[in-house]
N, C-alpha and C. Protein backbone atom coordinates (compact mmCIF):
# COMPACT_ATOMS: atom_id res chain seq x y z
N MET A 1 84.30 72.91 -86.75
CA MET A 1 83.04 73.57 -86.54
C MET A 1 83.31 74.93 -85.86
N ILE A 2 82.80 75.97 -86.44
CA ILE A 2 82.91 77.30 -85.84
C ILE A 2 81.74 77.49 -84.88
N ASN A 3 82.03 77.96 -83.69
CA ASN A 3 80.99 78.25 -82.69
C ASN A 3 81.05 79.73 -82.32
N SER A 4 79.86 80.36 -82.23
CA SER A 4 79.81 81.78 -81.88
C SER A 4 78.55 82.07 -81.13
N THR A 5 78.66 82.96 -80.14
CA THR A 5 77.48 83.43 -79.44
C THR A 5 76.77 84.54 -80.21
N THR A 6 77.41 85.08 -81.20
CA THR A 6 76.82 86.12 -82.03
C THR A 6 75.98 85.52 -83.14
N PRO A 7 75.00 86.27 -83.66
CA PRO A 7 74.14 85.71 -84.72
C PRO A 7 74.80 85.66 -86.10
N THR A 8 75.88 86.38 -86.26
CA THR A 8 76.60 86.39 -87.54
C THR A 8 78.09 86.39 -87.25
N LEU A 9 78.87 86.15 -88.28
CA LEU A 9 80.35 86.20 -88.16
C LEU A 9 80.89 87.19 -89.17
N ALA A 10 81.73 88.09 -88.72
CA ALA A 10 82.29 89.11 -89.60
C ALA A 10 83.05 88.44 -90.74
N GLY A 11 82.79 88.92 -91.96
CA GLY A 11 83.49 88.41 -93.13
C GLY A 11 82.96 87.09 -93.64
N LYS A 12 81.93 86.55 -93.02
CA LYS A 12 81.33 85.29 -93.44
C LYS A 12 79.87 85.52 -93.83
N GLU A 13 79.41 84.76 -94.79
CA GLU A 13 78.01 84.86 -95.21
C GLU A 13 77.31 83.55 -94.88
N ILE A 14 76.17 83.66 -94.23
CA ILE A 14 75.36 82.47 -93.98
C ILE A 14 74.56 82.18 -95.22
N ILE A 15 74.80 80.98 -95.78
CA ILE A 15 74.12 80.63 -97.02
C ILE A 15 73.00 79.60 -96.81
N ARG A 16 72.98 78.99 -95.61
CA ARG A 16 71.91 78.03 -95.33
C ARG A 16 71.73 77.87 -93.83
N TYR A 17 70.48 77.79 -93.42
CA TYR A 17 70.13 77.54 -92.03
C TYR A 17 69.68 76.09 -91.91
N HIS A 18 70.17 75.38 -90.87
CA HIS A 18 69.86 73.98 -90.66
C HIS A 18 68.97 73.75 -89.44
N GLY A 19 68.61 74.79 -88.74
CA GLY A 19 67.76 74.67 -87.59
C GLY A 19 68.52 74.70 -86.27
N VAL A 20 67.73 74.63 -85.20
CA VAL A 20 68.29 74.69 -83.85
C VAL A 20 68.93 73.35 -83.48
N VAL A 21 70.12 73.42 -82.88
CA VAL A 21 70.81 72.23 -82.40
C VAL A 21 71.12 72.43 -80.92
N THR A 22 71.17 71.34 -80.18
CA THR A 22 71.38 71.41 -78.73
C THR A 22 72.38 70.37 -78.28
N GLY A 23 72.90 70.58 -77.10
CA GLY A 23 73.74 69.61 -76.42
C GLY A 23 73.48 69.72 -74.92
N GLU A 24 73.43 68.60 -74.27
CA GLU A 24 73.21 68.58 -72.83
C GLU A 24 74.21 67.66 -72.15
N ALA A 25 74.56 67.99 -70.95
CA ALA A 25 75.41 67.11 -70.16
C ALA A 25 75.01 67.27 -68.69
N ILE A 26 74.82 66.14 -68.06
CA ILE A 26 74.52 66.13 -66.63
C ILE A 26 75.55 65.23 -65.96
N LEU A 27 76.26 65.79 -65.00
CA LEU A 27 77.30 65.05 -64.30
C LEU A 27 77.07 65.10 -62.82
N GLY A 28 77.23 63.96 -62.18
CA GLY A 28 77.12 63.91 -60.74
C GLY A 28 78.35 64.44 -60.10
N ALA A 29 78.17 65.16 -59.01
CA ALA A 29 79.31 65.68 -58.26
C ALA A 29 79.63 64.71 -57.12
N ASN A 30 80.83 64.26 -57.04
CA ASN A 30 81.27 63.31 -56.04
C ASN A 30 81.04 63.84 -54.63
N ILE A 31 80.54 63.01 -53.75
CA ILE A 31 80.20 63.45 -52.39
C ILE A 31 81.42 63.99 -51.63
N PHE A 32 82.59 63.41 -51.82
CA PHE A 32 83.78 63.90 -51.13
C PHE A 32 84.19 65.27 -51.65
N ARG A 33 84.10 65.44 -52.97
CA ARG A 33 84.41 66.75 -53.54
C ARG A 33 83.39 67.78 -53.06
N ASP A 34 82.12 67.37 -52.95
CA ASP A 34 81.09 68.28 -52.42
C ASP A 34 81.45 68.73 -51.02
N PHE A 35 81.89 67.79 -50.19
CA PHE A 35 82.25 68.09 -48.81
C PHE A 35 83.38 69.09 -48.75
N PHE A 36 84.45 68.81 -49.51
CA PHE A 36 85.61 69.71 -49.50
C PHE A 36 85.31 71.05 -50.16
N ALA A 37 84.45 71.03 -51.19
CA ALA A 37 84.05 72.29 -51.81
C ALA A 37 83.29 73.13 -50.81
N GLY A 38 82.44 72.51 -50.00
CA GLY A 38 81.70 73.24 -48.97
C GLY A 38 82.64 73.88 -47.97
N ILE A 39 83.67 73.16 -47.55
CA ILE A 39 84.64 73.72 -46.63
C ILE A 39 85.37 74.86 -47.28
N ARG A 40 85.77 74.71 -48.52
CA ARG A 40 86.49 75.77 -49.20
C ARG A 40 85.60 77.01 -49.36
N ASP A 41 84.32 76.80 -49.61
CA ASP A 41 83.40 77.92 -49.72
C ASP A 41 83.28 78.66 -48.40
N ILE A 42 83.38 77.93 -47.29
CA ILE A 42 83.27 78.57 -45.98
C ILE A 42 84.50 79.42 -45.70
N VAL A 43 85.70 78.87 -46.00
CA VAL A 43 86.92 79.57 -45.71
C VAL A 43 87.38 80.50 -46.84
N GLY A 44 86.67 80.46 -47.95
CA GLY A 44 86.98 81.32 -49.08
C GLY A 44 87.78 80.57 -50.15
N GLY A 45 87.90 81.15 -51.29
CA GLY A 45 88.64 80.54 -52.36
C GLY A 45 87.70 79.92 -53.38
N ARG A 46 88.31 79.35 -54.38
CA ARG A 46 87.57 78.76 -55.48
C ARG A 46 87.47 77.25 -55.29
N SER A 47 86.40 76.67 -55.80
CA SER A 47 86.21 75.24 -55.72
C SER A 47 86.69 74.60 -57.02
N ALA A 48 87.92 74.13 -57.04
CA ALA A 48 88.50 73.51 -58.22
C ALA A 48 87.71 72.30 -58.69
N ALA A 49 87.16 71.54 -57.76
CA ALA A 49 86.41 70.34 -58.11
C ALA A 49 85.17 70.72 -58.93
N TYR A 50 84.43 71.71 -58.49
CA TYR A 50 83.25 72.15 -59.24
C TYR A 50 83.64 72.77 -60.57
N GLU A 51 84.70 73.54 -60.57
CA GLU A 51 85.14 74.15 -61.81
C GLU A 51 85.53 73.11 -62.86
N ALA A 52 86.17 72.07 -62.41
CA ALA A 52 86.56 70.98 -63.32
C ALA A 52 85.33 70.26 -63.85
N GLU A 53 84.36 70.00 -62.98
CA GLU A 53 83.14 69.33 -63.42
C GLU A 53 82.35 70.20 -64.41
N LEU A 54 82.28 71.48 -64.16
CA LEU A 54 81.56 72.39 -65.06
C LEU A 54 82.25 72.43 -66.43
N LYS A 55 83.59 72.47 -66.42
CA LYS A 55 84.31 72.49 -67.70
C LYS A 55 84.08 71.20 -68.46
N LYS A 56 84.11 70.06 -67.78
CA LYS A 56 83.88 68.77 -68.42
C LYS A 56 82.47 68.72 -69.00
N ALA A 57 81.47 69.16 -68.24
CA ALA A 57 80.11 69.15 -68.73
C ALA A 57 79.92 70.06 -69.91
N ARG A 58 80.53 71.25 -69.87
CA ARG A 58 80.44 72.17 -70.99
C ARG A 58 81.07 71.59 -72.26
N GLU A 59 82.21 70.94 -72.13
CA GLU A 59 82.87 70.32 -73.29
C GLU A 59 82.01 69.23 -73.90
N ILE A 60 81.38 68.41 -73.06
CA ILE A 60 80.51 67.34 -73.53
C ILE A 60 79.31 67.92 -74.26
N ALA A 61 78.70 68.96 -73.69
CA ALA A 61 77.52 69.58 -74.30
C ALA A 61 77.89 70.19 -75.65
N PHE A 62 79.02 70.86 -75.76
CA PHE A 62 79.44 71.43 -77.04
C PHE A 62 79.73 70.32 -78.07
N GLN A 63 80.36 69.25 -77.66
CA GLN A 63 80.62 68.14 -78.58
C GLN A 63 79.30 67.59 -79.13
N GLU A 64 78.31 67.41 -78.26
CA GLU A 64 77.02 66.88 -78.67
C GLU A 64 76.33 67.84 -79.64
N MET A 65 76.35 69.13 -79.34
CA MET A 65 75.73 70.11 -80.23
C MET A 65 76.44 70.16 -81.58
N ASN A 66 77.78 70.16 -81.56
CA ASN A 66 78.51 70.20 -82.82
C ASN A 66 78.31 68.96 -83.67
N GLN A 67 78.16 67.81 -83.01
CA GLN A 67 77.91 66.57 -83.75
C GLN A 67 76.55 66.64 -84.45
N GLU A 68 75.55 67.15 -83.75
CA GLU A 68 74.21 67.30 -84.37
C GLU A 68 74.28 68.27 -85.55
N ALA A 69 75.02 69.37 -85.41
CA ALA A 69 75.16 70.35 -86.49
C ALA A 69 75.85 69.71 -87.69
N ALA A 70 76.91 68.97 -87.44
CA ALA A 70 77.63 68.29 -88.54
C ALA A 70 76.75 67.29 -89.27
N GLU A 71 75.95 66.56 -88.52
CA GLU A 71 75.03 65.59 -89.11
C GLU A 71 74.01 66.26 -90.02
N ARG A 72 73.72 67.51 -89.74
CA ARG A 72 72.77 68.27 -90.57
C ARG A 72 73.47 68.97 -91.75
N GLY A 73 74.78 68.87 -91.84
CA GLY A 73 75.53 69.44 -92.92
C GLY A 73 76.04 70.84 -92.66
N ALA A 74 76.00 71.30 -91.43
CA ALA A 74 76.44 72.66 -91.10
C ALA A 74 77.95 72.67 -90.87
N ASN A 75 78.51 73.88 -91.02
CA ASN A 75 79.94 74.04 -90.69
C ASN A 75 80.13 75.08 -89.58
N ALA A 76 79.00 75.55 -89.01
CA ALA A 76 79.08 76.51 -87.91
C ALA A 76 77.79 76.48 -87.10
N VAL A 77 77.90 76.94 -85.84
CA VAL A 77 76.72 77.14 -85.01
C VAL A 77 76.81 78.55 -84.47
N VAL A 78 75.77 79.34 -84.73
CA VAL A 78 75.73 80.74 -84.29
C VAL A 78 74.63 80.97 -83.28
N GLY A 79 74.70 82.09 -82.59
CA GLY A 79 73.69 82.44 -81.61
C GLY A 79 73.65 81.48 -80.44
N ILE A 80 74.79 80.98 -80.05
CA ILE A 80 74.86 79.97 -78.99
C ILE A 80 74.51 80.55 -77.62
N ASP A 81 73.71 79.83 -76.89
CA ASP A 81 73.35 80.15 -75.52
C ASP A 81 73.82 79.02 -74.61
N ILE A 82 74.47 79.37 -73.53
CA ILE A 82 74.98 78.38 -72.59
C ILE A 82 74.29 78.58 -71.26
N ASP A 83 73.71 77.50 -70.71
CA ASP A 83 73.01 77.57 -69.43
C ASP A 83 73.60 76.55 -68.46
N TYR A 84 73.71 76.92 -67.20
CA TYR A 84 74.21 76.08 -66.13
C TYR A 84 73.11 75.93 -65.09
N GLU A 85 72.90 74.72 -64.62
CA GLU A 85 71.90 74.48 -63.58
C GLU A 85 72.39 73.38 -62.65
N THR A 86 71.86 73.36 -61.45
CA THR A 86 72.05 72.22 -60.57
C THR A 86 70.71 71.49 -60.51
N VAL A 87 70.79 70.18 -60.53
CA VAL A 87 69.58 69.37 -60.44
C VAL A 87 69.79 68.28 -59.40
N GLY A 88 68.69 67.71 -58.94
CA GLY A 88 68.78 66.68 -57.91
C GLY A 88 68.78 67.33 -56.53
N GLY A 89 68.60 66.49 -55.54
CA GLY A 89 68.59 66.97 -54.16
C GLY A 89 69.89 67.63 -53.78
N GLN A 90 69.79 68.78 -53.13
CA GLN A 90 70.94 69.54 -52.65
C GLN A 90 71.91 69.90 -53.79
N GLY A 91 71.42 70.00 -55.02
CA GLY A 91 72.28 70.38 -56.14
C GLY A 91 73.38 69.34 -56.39
N SER A 92 72.99 68.06 -56.29
CA SER A 92 73.98 66.98 -56.38
C SER A 92 74.45 66.69 -57.79
N MET A 93 73.80 67.26 -58.78
CA MET A 93 74.20 67.06 -60.17
C MET A 93 74.32 68.41 -60.87
N LEU A 94 75.26 68.47 -61.79
CA LEU A 94 75.49 69.67 -62.56
C LEU A 94 75.00 69.44 -63.98
N MET A 95 74.26 70.40 -64.51
CA MET A 95 73.73 70.29 -65.88
C MET A 95 74.16 71.51 -66.68
N VAL A 96 74.67 71.23 -67.87
CA VAL A 96 75.02 72.31 -68.79
C VAL A 96 74.24 72.00 -70.07
N THR A 97 73.56 73.03 -70.57
CA THR A 97 72.88 72.93 -71.87
C THR A 97 73.41 74.04 -72.77
N VAL A 98 73.61 73.68 -74.04
CA VAL A 98 73.98 74.66 -75.04
C VAL A 98 73.04 74.51 -76.22
N SER A 99 72.71 75.63 -76.83
CA SER A 99 71.86 75.58 -78.01
C SER A 99 72.25 76.73 -78.93
N GLY A 100 72.00 76.52 -80.21
CA GLY A 100 72.32 77.52 -81.20
C GLY A 100 71.70 77.15 -82.53
N THR A 101 71.97 77.92 -83.54
CA THR A 101 71.46 77.68 -84.89
C THR A 101 72.57 77.14 -85.77
N ALA A 102 72.35 75.95 -86.30
CA ALA A 102 73.32 75.36 -87.21
C ALA A 102 73.21 76.04 -88.58
N VAL A 103 74.35 76.43 -89.15
CA VAL A 103 74.35 77.14 -90.42
C VAL A 103 75.51 76.64 -91.27
N THR A 104 75.41 76.96 -92.58
CA THR A 104 76.52 76.77 -93.49
C THR A 104 77.02 78.16 -93.84
N LEU A 105 78.31 78.34 -93.64
CA LEU A 105 78.96 79.62 -93.96
C LEU A 105 79.74 79.54 -95.26
N ARG A 106 79.82 80.69 -95.91
CA ARG A 106 80.70 80.80 -97.10
C ARG A 106 81.66 81.89 -96.83
């Protein structure tokens, strides 16, 4: 499955539109990782725990979106938008949503 944030792909022709497809992933952030991430944020540096969770959530969301596109007969998703949010009390859960237009390319 080809994924692109652009509405078209150079050298490819869109021959069929299959509609909007989406993928969502919500992952809880472990309380101990939250604690250590908070300390790291205070003293500076990157929070590897949150980065790993975001990457995992993004991969799940893309897999879900691509599966929906494949079920519709598409071989690509164009115009992809990726959104990140925290949900739950104190941002205790991470949510990633992806959406795009499923298409058939030639």
